[in-house]
């Protein structure tokens, strides 16, 4: 719920229930803020992307992020990554995950011939440093048990390895933030 400025009252005046509820909801909203942001660093070792079909960046779920959410919330998902200069182009996107399965994509999905998010295409044969953020308004199908889980997904143009650098000095970082419900 977005912050709503309460009506001003004077000392000794009875506080109407509607104004009290506004104040209570604002306090709940402010206190819940710490539960709206999550990030992870992957620094264990470089790894390769080489799947020509949609796949998770890390098959063990190490880059999956989960937050409390409801339908109508807007989430942002950011990745900060360095890719080596090998030949294949990487087409990347972010997907909501329900029961371990890609539920919906932030962009067009990464189906053939291209797809994904334009800001998440890594052209082949050049080193690429990329930080990209995408936003998505959640629908009920994106939510499982009051949570949303998001995973970076990709496919490559060929089945050749493309190195993703993930070291202490150059970590792969992913962030997710729940910005709350859509308001007009």
N, C-alpha and C. Protein backbone atom coordinates (compact mmCIF):
# COMPACT_ATOMS: atom_id res chain seq x y z
N UNK A 1 0.85 -1.16 0.00
CA UNK A 1 0.00 0.00 0.00
C UNK A 1 0.89 1.22 0.00
N UNK A 2 0.57 2.21 -0.80
CA UNK A 2 1.35 3.44 -0.87
C UNK A 2 1.04 4.34 0.31
N UNK A 3 2.00 5.17 0.69
CA UNK A 3 1.83 6.09 1.80
C UNK A 3 0.68 7.06 1.50
N UNK A 4 -0.18 7.30 2.48
CA UNK A 4 -1.28 8.26 2.38
C UNK A 4 -1.14 9.24 3.52
N UNK A 5 -1.08 10.52 3.21
CA UNK A 5 -0.95 11.52 4.26
C UNK A 5 -2.25 11.58 5.06
N UNK A 6 -2.17 11.43 6.39
CA UNK A 6 -3.38 11.47 7.20
C UNK A 6 -3.89 12.90 7.37
N UNK A 7 -5.13 13.02 7.71
CA UNK A 7 -5.73 14.31 8.01
C UNK A 7 -5.11 14.85 9.29
N UNK A 8 -4.91 16.15 9.36
CA UNK A 8 -4.35 16.77 10.55
C UNK A 8 -5.44 16.95 11.61
N UNK A 9 -5.11 16.59 12.84
CA UNK A 9 -6.03 16.73 13.96
C UNK A 9 -5.36 17.54 15.06
N UNK A 10 -6.16 18.05 15.98
CA UNK A 10 -5.63 18.82 17.10
C UNK A 10 -5.72 17.98 18.37
N UNK A 11 -4.92 18.35 19.36
CA UNK A 11 -4.91 17.63 20.63
C UNK A 11 -6.31 17.58 21.23
N UNK A 12 -6.70 16.42 21.71
CA UNK A 12 -8.00 16.25 22.35
C UNK A 12 -9.12 15.89 21.38
N UNK A 13 -8.90 16.03 20.09
CA UNK A 13 -9.93 15.71 19.10
C UNK A 13 -10.01 14.19 18.94
N UNK A 14 -11.22 13.70 18.79
CA UNK A 14 -11.41 12.27 18.57
C UNK A 14 -10.93 11.92 17.17
N UNK A 15 -10.15 10.86 17.09
CA UNK A 15 -9.60 10.42 15.82
C UNK A 15 -10.60 9.47 15.15
N UNK A 16 -11.14 9.87 13.98
CA UNK A 16 -12.09 8.98 13.28
C UNK A 16 -11.42 7.68 12.87
N UNK A 17 -12.18 6.61 12.84
CA UNK A 17 -11.65 5.29 12.51
C UNK A 17 -10.97 5.28 11.15
N UNK A 18 -11.52 5.96 10.17
CA UNK A 18 -10.92 5.98 8.82
C UNK A 18 -9.52 6.58 8.86
N UNK A 19 -9.33 7.68 9.62
CA UNK A 19 -8.01 8.30 9.74
C UNK A 19 -7.05 7.40 10.51
N UNK A 20 -7.55 6.73 11.54
CA UNK A 20 -6.73 5.80 12.30
C UNK A 20 -6.23 4.67 11.40
N UNK A 21 -7.12 4.14 10.55
CA UNK A 21 -6.75 3.06 9.64
C UNK A 21 -5.68 3.50 8.64
N UNK A 22 -5.77 4.75 8.18
CA UNK A 22 -4.74 5.27 7.27
C UNK A 22 -3.39 5.25 7.97
N UNK A 23 -3.34 5.72 9.20
CA UNK A 23 -2.08 5.77 9.95
C UNK A 23 -1.55 4.35 10.19
N UNK A 24 -2.41 3.44 10.60
CA UNK A 24 -1.99 2.06 10.84
C UNK A 24 -1.44 1.43 9.56
N UNK A 25 -2.13 1.62 8.44
CA UNK A 25 -1.67 1.04 7.18
C UNK A 25 -0.34 1.64 6.74
N UNK A 26 -0.15 2.94 6.98
CA UNK A 26 1.13 3.57 6.64
C UNK A 26 2.26 2.97 7.47
N UNK A 27 2.03 2.76 8.75
CA UNK A 27 3.05 2.18 9.62
C UNK A 27 3.36 0.75 9.19
N UNK A 28 2.35 -0.03 8.90
CA UNK A 28 2.56 -1.40 8.43
C UNK A 28 3.36 -1.40 7.14
N UNK A 29 3.01 -0.50 6.23
CA UNK A 29 3.72 -0.40 4.96
C UNK A 29 5.19 -0.06 5.18
N UNK A 30 5.46 0.93 6.02
CA UNK A 30 6.84 1.33 6.28
C UNK A 30 7.63 0.22 6.97
N UNK A 31 7.01 -0.49 7.90
CA UNK A 31 7.71 -1.56 8.62
C UNK A 31 7.95 -2.77 7.73
N UNK A 32 7.12 -2.97 6.73
CA UNK A 32 7.28 -4.14 5.87
C UNK A 32 8.30 -3.89 4.76
N UNK A 33 8.81 -2.68 4.66
CA UNK A 33 9.72 -2.35 3.57
C UNK A 33 10.95 -3.25 3.53
N UNK A 34 11.46 -3.63 4.71
CA UNK A 34 12.67 -4.46 4.71
C UNK A 34 12.43 -5.82 4.07
N UNK A 35 11.20 -6.22 3.91
CA UNK A 35 10.89 -7.51 3.28
C UNK A 35 10.64 -7.38 1.78
N UNK A 36 10.94 -6.22 1.21
CA UNK A 36 10.64 -5.99 -0.20
C UNK A 36 11.87 -5.96 -1.09
N UNK A 37 13.01 -6.32 -0.57
CA UNK A 37 14.24 -6.24 -1.35
C UNK A 37 15.10 -7.45 -1.02
N UNK A 38 15.67 -8.05 -2.04
CA UNK A 38 16.57 -9.18 -1.84
C UNK A 38 17.62 -9.15 -2.95
N UNK A 39 18.82 -9.60 -2.62
CA UNK A 39 19.88 -9.69 -3.63
C UNK A 39 20.77 -10.87 -3.30
N UNK A 40 21.50 -11.30 -4.30
CA UNK A 40 22.49 -12.35 -4.08
C UNK A 40 23.69 -12.09 -4.96
N UNK A 41 24.84 -12.48 -4.46
CA UNK A 41 26.09 -12.40 -5.20
C UNK A 41 26.52 -13.81 -5.53
N UNK A 42 26.97 -14.02 -6.75
CA UNK A 42 27.54 -15.33 -7.10
C UNK A 42 29.01 -15.09 -7.39
N UNK A 43 29.89 -15.60 -6.53
CA UNK A 43 31.33 -15.34 -6.64
C UNK A 43 32.14 -16.62 -6.62
N UNK A 44 31.49 -17.77 -6.66
CA UNK A 44 32.17 -19.05 -6.48
C UNK A 44 33.18 -19.33 -7.59
N UNK A 45 32.75 -19.19 -8.84
CA UNK A 45 33.63 -19.49 -9.98
C UNK A 45 32.92 -19.10 -11.27
N UNK A 46 33.72 -18.82 -12.29
CA UNK A 46 33.14 -18.56 -13.60
C UNK A 46 32.35 -19.80 -14.04
N UNK A 47 31.36 -19.58 -14.91
CA UNK A 47 30.61 -20.70 -15.44
C UNK A 47 30.24 -20.41 -16.89
N UNK A 48 29.77 -21.42 -17.61
CA UNK A 48 29.45 -21.27 -19.03
C UNK A 48 27.95 -21.35 -19.28
N UNK A 49 27.51 -20.54 -20.24
CA UNK A 49 26.16 -20.65 -20.78
C UNK A 49 26.30 -21.22 -22.18
N UNK A 50 25.51 -22.24 -22.51
CA UNK A 50 25.66 -22.88 -23.83
C UNK A 50 24.40 -23.61 -24.30
N UNK A 51 23.26 -23.31 -23.72
CA UNK A 51 22.02 -24.00 -24.10
C UNK A 51 21.31 -23.24 -25.21
N UNK A 52 20.92 -23.93 -26.25
CA UNK A 52 20.17 -23.29 -27.34
C UNK A 52 18.67 -23.30 -27.08
N UNK A 53 18.25 -23.84 -25.93
CA UNK A 53 16.85 -23.77 -25.50
C UNK A 53 16.82 -23.03 -24.16
N UNK A 54 15.66 -22.57 -23.77
CA UNK A 54 15.53 -21.79 -22.54
C UNK A 54 16.07 -22.57 -21.35
N UNK A 55 16.94 -21.91 -20.58
CA UNK A 55 17.55 -22.56 -19.41
C UNK A 55 17.82 -21.51 -18.33
N UNK A 56 17.93 -21.97 -17.10
CA UNK A 56 18.32 -21.09 -16.00
C UNK A 56 19.81 -20.79 -16.11
N UNK A 57 20.21 -19.59 -15.70
CA UNK A 57 21.64 -19.25 -15.71
C UNK A 57 22.41 -20.23 -14.84
N UNK A 58 21.85 -20.58 -13.69
CA UNK A 58 22.46 -21.57 -12.79
C UNK A 58 21.39 -22.61 -12.49
N UNK A 59 21.64 -23.86 -12.86
CA UNK A 59 20.62 -24.90 -12.74
C UNK A 59 20.26 -25.24 -11.31
N UNK A 60 21.12 -24.93 -10.35
CA UNK A 60 20.83 -25.25 -8.95
C UNK A 60 19.95 -24.23 -8.27
N UNK A 61 19.50 -23.21 -8.99
CA UNK A 61 18.63 -22.19 -8.40
C UNK A 61 19.37 -21.14 -7.59
N UNK A 62 20.70 -21.10 -7.69
CA UNK A 62 21.47 -20.14 -6.89
C UNK A 62 21.12 -18.69 -7.19
N UNK A 63 20.59 -18.41 -8.37
CA UNK A 63 20.25 -17.03 -8.73
C UNK A 63 18.76 -16.73 -8.64
N UNK A 64 17.96 -17.72 -8.18
CA UNK A 64 16.53 -17.48 -7.98
C UNK A 64 16.35 -16.58 -6.76
N UNK A 65 15.47 -15.61 -6.86
CA UNK A 65 15.18 -14.71 -5.75
C UNK A 65 13.70 -14.79 -5.43
N UNK A 66 13.34 -14.74 -4.14
CA UNK A 66 11.96 -14.86 -3.71
C UNK A 66 11.61 -13.74 -2.74
N UNK A 67 10.42 -13.14 -2.94
CA UNK A 67 9.89 -12.09 -2.06
C UNK A 67 8.41 -12.29 -1.86
N UNK A 68 7.89 -11.75 -0.77
CA UNK A 68 6.44 -11.71 -0.56
C UNK A 68 5.83 -10.80 -1.63
N UNK A 69 4.68 -11.21 -2.15
CA UNK A 69 4.04 -10.42 -3.20
C UNK A 69 2.58 -10.82 -3.34
N UNK A 70 1.82 -9.94 -3.96
CA UNK A 70 0.43 -10.23 -4.33
C UNK A 70 0.21 -9.78 -5.76
N UNK A 71 -0.83 -10.30 -6.37
CA UNK A 71 -1.18 -9.88 -7.73
C UNK A 71 -1.38 -8.36 -7.73
N UNK A 72 -0.86 -7.71 -8.76
CA UNK A 72 -0.94 -6.26 -8.87
C UNK A 72 0.31 -5.55 -8.41
N UNK A 73 1.19 -6.24 -7.65
CA UNK A 73 2.46 -5.63 -7.26
C UNK A 73 3.37 -5.49 -8.48
N UNK A 74 4.19 -4.45 -8.47
CA UNK A 74 5.20 -4.25 -9.50
C UNK A 74 6.54 -4.67 -8.90
N UNK A 75 7.27 -5.52 -9.60
CA UNK A 75 8.59 -5.90 -9.13
C UNK A 75 9.63 -5.45 -10.16
N UNK A 76 10.80 -5.15 -9.64
CA UNK A 76 11.94 -4.88 -10.53
C UNK A 76 12.98 -5.97 -10.27
N UNK A 77 13.63 -6.38 -11.33
CA UNK A 77 14.67 -7.40 -11.24
C UNK A 77 15.87 -6.86 -12.00
N UNK A 78 17.04 -6.90 -11.36
CA UNK A 78 18.26 -6.34 -11.95
C UNK A 78 19.35 -7.39 -11.94
N UNK A 79 20.15 -7.39 -12.98
CA UNK A 79 21.32 -8.26 -13.03
C UNK A 79 22.52 -7.41 -13.41
N UNK A 80 23.64 -7.69 -12.76
CA UNK A 80 24.90 -7.01 -13.04
C UNK A 80 25.89 -8.11 -13.38
N UNK A 81 26.36 -8.14 -14.63
CA UNK A 81 27.08 -9.31 -15.11
C UNK A 81 28.17 -8.92 -16.11
N UNK A 82 29.19 -9.76 -16.17
CA UNK A 82 30.27 -9.61 -17.15
C UNK A 82 30.35 -10.92 -17.93
N UNK A 83 30.22 -10.83 -19.26
CA UNK A 83 30.31 -12.01 -20.12
C UNK A 83 31.57 -11.94 -20.96
N UNK A 84 32.23 -13.07 -21.11
CA UNK A 84 33.45 -13.15 -21.91
C UNK A 84 33.19 -12.92 -23.40
N UNK A 85 34.26 -13.02 -24.21
CA UNK A 85 34.18 -12.65 -25.63
C UNK A 85 34.00 -13.83 -26.57
N UNK A 86 33.49 -14.95 -26.09
CA UNK A 86 33.30 -16.10 -26.97
C UNK A 86 32.21 -15.82 -28.01
N UNK A 87 32.09 -16.71 -28.97
CA UNK A 87 31.25 -16.52 -30.15
C UNK A 87 29.75 -16.41 -29.92
N UNK A 88 29.09 -17.27 -29.16
CA UNK A 88 27.62 -17.23 -29.20
C UNK A 88 27.03 -15.95 -28.60
N UNK A 89 25.94 -15.54 -29.18
CA UNK A 89 25.13 -14.44 -28.63
C UNK A 89 24.25 -15.02 -27.54
N UNK A 90 24.10 -14.29 -26.45
CA UNK A 90 23.20 -14.70 -25.37
C UNK A 90 21.93 -13.85 -25.46
N UNK A 91 20.78 -14.51 -25.46
CA UNK A 91 19.47 -13.84 -25.38
C UNK A 91 18.93 -14.14 -23.99
N UNK A 92 18.75 -13.12 -23.18
CA UNK A 92 18.38 -13.34 -21.79
C UNK A 92 17.07 -12.65 -21.43
N UNK A 93 16.44 -13.16 -20.40
CA UNK A 93 15.17 -12.63 -19.91
C UNK A 93 15.09 -13.01 -18.43
N UNK A 94 14.04 -12.58 -17.77
CA UNK A 94 13.75 -12.97 -16.40
C UNK A 94 12.39 -13.64 -16.41
N UNK A 95 12.23 -14.70 -15.62
CA UNK A 95 10.97 -15.45 -15.59
C UNK A 95 10.48 -15.60 -14.16
N UNK A 96 9.16 -15.48 -13.97
CA UNK A 96 8.60 -15.87 -12.67
C UNK A 96 8.53 -17.39 -12.66
N UNK A 97 8.73 -17.97 -11.49
CA UNK A 97 8.81 -19.42 -11.35
C UNK A 97 7.72 -19.88 -10.38
N UNK A 98 6.94 -20.87 -10.80
CA UNK A 98 5.96 -21.50 -9.92
C UNK A 98 6.16 -23.00 -10.04
N UNK A 99 6.32 -23.66 -8.91
CA UNK A 99 6.57 -25.11 -8.86
C UNK A 99 7.75 -25.50 -9.74
N UNK A 100 8.80 -24.67 -9.76
CA UNK A 100 10.01 -24.98 -10.51
C UNK A 100 9.93 -24.74 -12.00
N UNK A 101 8.81 -24.20 -12.49
CA UNK A 101 8.61 -24.03 -13.93
C UNK A 101 8.49 -22.55 -14.28
N UNK A 102 9.06 -22.17 -15.45
CA UNK A 102 8.89 -20.80 -15.94
C UNK A 102 7.40 -20.51 -16.12
N UNK A 103 6.92 -19.51 -15.41
CA UNK A 103 5.50 -19.18 -15.48
C UNK A 103 5.24 -18.08 -16.50
N UNK A 104 5.93 -16.95 -16.35
CA UNK A 104 5.78 -15.86 -17.31
C UNK A 104 7.09 -15.08 -17.37
N UNK A 105 7.30 -14.40 -18.50
CA UNK A 105 8.55 -13.69 -18.72
C UNK A 105 8.35 -12.19 -18.60
N UNK A 106 9.42 -11.49 -18.26
CA UNK A 106 9.38 -10.03 -18.21
C UNK A 106 9.36 -9.46 -19.62
N UNK A 107 10.10 -10.10 -20.53
CA UNK A 107 10.15 -9.68 -21.93
C UNK A 107 9.36 -10.65 -22.78
N UNK A 108 9.92 -10.94 -23.95
CA UNK A 108 9.23 -11.82 -24.90
C UNK A 108 9.53 -13.29 -24.67
N UNK A 109 10.29 -13.59 -23.62
CA UNK A 109 10.77 -14.96 -23.49
C UNK A 109 11.96 -15.11 -24.42
N UNK A 110 12.68 -16.18 -24.36
CA UNK A 110 13.89 -16.31 -25.16
C UNK A 110 13.74 -17.42 -26.19
N UNK A 111 12.63 -17.39 -26.90
CA UNK A 111 12.38 -18.39 -27.94
C UNK A 111 13.14 -18.02 -29.20
N UNK A 112 13.26 -18.95 -30.10
CA UNK A 112 13.97 -18.74 -31.35
C UNK A 112 13.15 -17.83 -32.26
N UNK A 113 13.73 -16.97 -33.08
CA UNK A 113 15.15 -16.78 -33.32
C UNK A 113 15.84 -15.85 -32.33
N UNK A 114 15.13 -14.96 -31.70
CA UNK A 114 15.79 -14.05 -30.75
C UNK A 114 14.97 -14.02 -29.47
N UNK A 115 14.33 -12.91 -29.18
CA UNK A 115 13.49 -12.81 -28.01
C UNK A 115 14.25 -12.32 -26.80
N UNK A 116 13.56 -12.39 -25.66
CA UNK A 116 14.15 -11.90 -24.43
C UNK A 116 13.97 -10.40 -24.30
N UNK A 117 14.77 -9.81 -23.45
CA UNK A 117 14.77 -8.37 -23.24
C UNK A 117 15.86 -7.75 -24.10
N UNK A 118 15.54 -6.70 -24.81
CA UNK A 118 16.54 -6.05 -25.67
C UNK A 118 17.77 -5.64 -24.87
N UNK A 119 17.55 -5.20 -23.62
CA UNK A 119 18.68 -4.77 -22.79
C UNK A 119 19.50 -5.95 -22.29
N UNK A 120 19.05 -7.17 -22.56
CA UNK A 120 19.75 -8.36 -22.09
C UNK A 120 20.27 -9.24 -23.23
N UNK A 121 20.55 -8.63 -24.38
CA UNK A 121 21.20 -9.37 -25.47
C UNK A 121 22.70 -9.12 -25.34
N UNK A 122 23.47 -10.19 -25.33
CA UNK A 122 24.93 -10.13 -25.24
C UNK A 122 25.48 -10.54 -26.60
N UNK A 123 25.85 -9.57 -27.45
CA UNK A 123 26.35 -9.93 -28.78
C UNK A 123 27.58 -10.83 -28.69
N UNK A 124 27.71 -11.74 -29.64
CA UNK A 124 28.83 -12.66 -29.64
C UNK A 124 30.14 -12.00 -30.00
N UNK A 125 31.22 -12.63 -29.57
CA UNK A 125 32.60 -12.27 -29.91
C UNK A 125 33.09 -10.95 -29.32
N UNK A 126 32.38 -10.38 -28.35
CA UNK A 126 32.89 -9.20 -27.65
C UNK A 126 32.61 -9.36 -26.16
N UNK A 127 33.52 -8.81 -25.33
CA UNK A 127 33.28 -8.81 -23.90
C UNK A 127 32.14 -7.84 -23.62
N UNK A 128 31.27 -8.22 -22.71
CA UNK A 128 30.11 -7.38 -22.40
C UNK A 128 29.98 -7.23 -20.89
N UNK A 129 29.97 -5.99 -20.44
CA UNK A 129 29.63 -5.67 -19.06
C UNK A 129 28.21 -5.15 -19.11
N UNK A 130 27.31 -5.72 -18.34
CA UNK A 130 25.92 -5.33 -18.48
C UNK A 130 25.25 -5.25 -17.13
N UNK A 131 24.51 -4.19 -16.95
CA UNK A 131 23.62 -4.04 -15.82
C UNK A 131 22.26 -3.70 -16.40
N UNK A 132 21.28 -4.52 -16.18
CA UNK A 132 19.97 -4.30 -16.77
C UNK A 132 18.89 -4.53 -15.73
N UNK A 133 17.86 -3.70 -15.80
CA UNK A 133 16.70 -3.82 -14.90
C UNK A 133 15.44 -3.93 -15.75
N UNK A 134 14.54 -4.77 -15.32
CA UNK A 134 13.24 -4.90 -15.98
C UNK A 134 12.16 -4.89 -14.91
N UNK A 135 10.97 -4.45 -15.29
CA UNK A 135 9.83 -4.34 -14.38
C UNK A 135 8.70 -5.23 -14.87
N UNK A 136 7.92 -5.74 -13.93
CA UNK A 136 6.77 -6.58 -14.28
C UNK A 136 5.67 -6.37 -13.26
N UNK A 137 4.45 -6.22 -13.76
CA UNK A 137 3.28 -6.21 -12.89
C UNK A 137 2.83 -7.66 -12.74
N UNK A 138 2.77 -8.12 -11.51
CA UNK A 138 2.45 -9.52 -11.24
C UNK A 138 0.96 -9.81 -11.41
N UNK A 139 0.67 -11.00 -11.89
CA UNK A 139 -0.70 -11.50 -11.95
C UNK A 139 -0.78 -12.70 -11.00
N UNK A 140 -1.98 -13.17 -10.73
CA UNK A 140 -2.15 -14.24 -9.75
C UNK A 140 -1.34 -15.49 -10.10
N UNK A 141 -1.16 -15.77 -11.38
CA UNK A 141 -0.40 -16.96 -11.79
C UNK A 141 1.08 -16.89 -11.48
N UNK A 142 1.59 -15.68 -11.18
CA UNK A 142 3.00 -15.51 -10.83
C UNK A 142 3.28 -15.79 -9.36
N UNK A 143 2.23 -15.89 -8.56
CA UNK A 143 2.34 -15.97 -7.10
C UNK A 143 2.13 -17.41 -6.64
N UNK A 144 2.95 -17.83 -5.69
CA UNK A 144 2.77 -19.14 -5.08
C UNK A 144 2.93 -18.99 -3.56
N UNK A 145 1.90 -19.32 -2.81
CA UNK A 145 1.91 -19.23 -1.34
C UNK A 145 2.33 -17.85 -0.84
N UNK A 146 1.86 -16.80 -1.53
CA UNK A 146 2.14 -15.43 -1.10
C UNK A 146 3.51 -14.92 -1.48
N UNK A 147 4.22 -15.66 -2.33
CA UNK A 147 5.56 -15.25 -2.76
C UNK A 147 5.69 -15.26 -4.27
N UNK A 148 6.62 -14.45 -4.77
CA UNK A 148 7.02 -14.52 -6.17
C UNK A 148 8.49 -14.92 -6.20
N UNK A 149 8.83 -15.83 -7.11
CA UNK A 149 10.21 -16.23 -7.33
C UNK A 149 10.57 -15.87 -8.76
N UNK A 150 11.72 -15.23 -8.93
CA UNK A 150 12.17 -14.82 -10.26
C UNK A 150 13.55 -15.41 -10.52
N UNK A 151 13.75 -15.84 -11.76
CA UNK A 151 14.99 -16.50 -12.17
C UNK A 151 15.48 -15.88 -13.48
N UNK A 152 16.78 -15.59 -13.59
CA UNK A 152 17.32 -15.19 -14.89
C UNK A 152 17.38 -16.43 -15.80
N UNK A 153 16.90 -16.28 -17.03
CA UNK A 153 16.92 -17.37 -18.00
C UNK A 153 17.59 -16.88 -19.28
N UNK A 154 17.99 -17.81 -20.13
CA UNK A 154 18.71 -17.46 -21.35
C UNK A 154 18.59 -18.57 -22.38
N UNK A 155 19.08 -18.27 -23.55
CA UNK A 155 19.45 -19.27 -24.54
C UNK A 155 20.58 -18.65 -25.35
N UNK A 156 21.42 -19.48 -25.95
CA UNK A 156 22.51 -19.00 -26.78
C UNK A 156 22.21 -19.27 -28.25
N UNK A 157 22.87 -18.52 -29.12
CA UNK A 157 22.65 -18.69 -30.56
C UNK A 157 23.23 -19.99 -31.08
N UNK A 158 24.26 -20.53 -30.42
CA UNK A 158 24.84 -21.83 -30.78
C UNK A 158 25.17 -22.56 -29.48
N UNK A 159 25.46 -23.84 -29.59
CA UNK A 159 25.75 -24.65 -28.39
C UNK A 159 27.21 -24.53 -27.96
N UNK A 160 27.80 -23.38 -28.21
CA UNK A 160 29.18 -23.12 -27.83
C UNK A 160 29.21 -22.40 -26.49
N UNK A 161 30.23 -22.67 -25.67
CA UNK A 161 30.32 -22.03 -24.35
C UNK A 161 30.52 -20.52 -24.45
N UNK A 162 29.83 -19.80 -23.57
CA UNK A 162 30.05 -18.36 -23.35
C UNK A 162 30.27 -18.18 -21.86
N UNK A 163 31.44 -17.65 -21.48
CA UNK A 163 31.83 -17.53 -20.08
C UNK A 163 31.11 -16.39 -19.39
N UNK A 164 30.57 -16.68 -18.22
CA UNK A 164 30.04 -15.66 -17.31
C UNK A 164 31.03 -15.58 -16.15
N UNK A 165 31.55 -14.40 -15.92
CA UNK A 165 32.54 -14.20 -14.86
C UNK A 165 31.81 -14.06 -13.53
N UNK A 166 32.25 -14.81 -12.55
CA UNK A 166 31.64 -14.79 -11.21
C UNK A 166 32.73 -15.04 -10.19
N UNK A 167 33.46 -13.99 -9.86
CA UNK A 167 34.57 -14.09 -8.92
C UNK A 167 34.39 -13.04 -7.83
N UNK A 168 35.22 -13.10 -6.82
CA UNK A 168 35.17 -12.11 -5.74
C UNK A 168 35.36 -10.70 -6.28
N UNK A 169 36.27 -10.54 -7.23
CA UNK A 169 36.54 -9.21 -7.79
C UNK A 169 35.52 -8.77 -8.83
N UNK A 170 34.85 -9.71 -9.45
CA UNK A 170 33.83 -9.39 -10.47
C UNK A 170 32.62 -10.30 -10.26
N UNK A 171 31.84 -10.03 -9.20
CA UNK A 171 30.71 -10.92 -8.90
C UNK A 171 29.55 -10.75 -9.89
N UNK A 172 28.82 -11.81 -10.04
CA UNK A 172 27.53 -11.75 -10.73
C UNK A 172 26.52 -11.42 -9.63
N UNK A 173 25.77 -10.34 -9.81
CA UNK A 173 24.85 -9.89 -8.77
C UNK A 173 23.44 -9.80 -9.36
N UNK A 174 22.46 -10.29 -8.62
CA UNK A 174 21.06 -10.11 -9.00
C UNK A 174 20.31 -9.50 -7.82
N UNK A 175 19.38 -8.61 -8.14
CA UNK A 175 18.59 -7.89 -7.14
C UNK A 175 17.12 -7.99 -7.53
N UNK A 176 16.26 -8.01 -6.54
CA UNK A 176 14.82 -7.92 -6.82
C UNK A 176 14.19 -7.03 -5.75
N UNK A 177 13.26 -6.21 -6.19
CA UNK A 177 12.54 -5.32 -5.28
C UNK A 177 11.06 -5.35 -5.62
N UNK A 178 10.23 -5.44 -4.58
CA UNK A 178 8.80 -5.35 -4.75
C UNK A 178 8.43 -3.88 -4.50
N UNK A 179 7.96 -3.23 -5.53
CA UNK A 179 7.64 -1.80 -5.44
C UNK A 179 6.21 -1.55 -4.99
N UNK A 180 5.46 -2.61 -4.73
CA UNK A 180 4.11 -2.47 -4.26
C UNK A 180 3.11 -2.48 -5.40
N UNK A 181 1.85 -2.22 -5.08
CA UNK A 181 0.80 -2.32 -6.10
C UNK A 181 0.84 -1.16 -7.10
N UNK A 182 0.28 -1.43 -8.26
CA UNK A 182 0.15 -0.41 -9.29
C UNK A 182 -0.82 0.64 -8.79
N UNK A 183 -0.43 1.88 -8.86
CA UNK A 183 -1.33 2.98 -8.51
C UNK A 183 -1.36 3.97 -9.65
N UNK A 184 -2.46 4.67 -9.77
CA UNK A 184 -2.57 5.67 -10.85
C UNK A 184 -2.67 7.05 -10.28
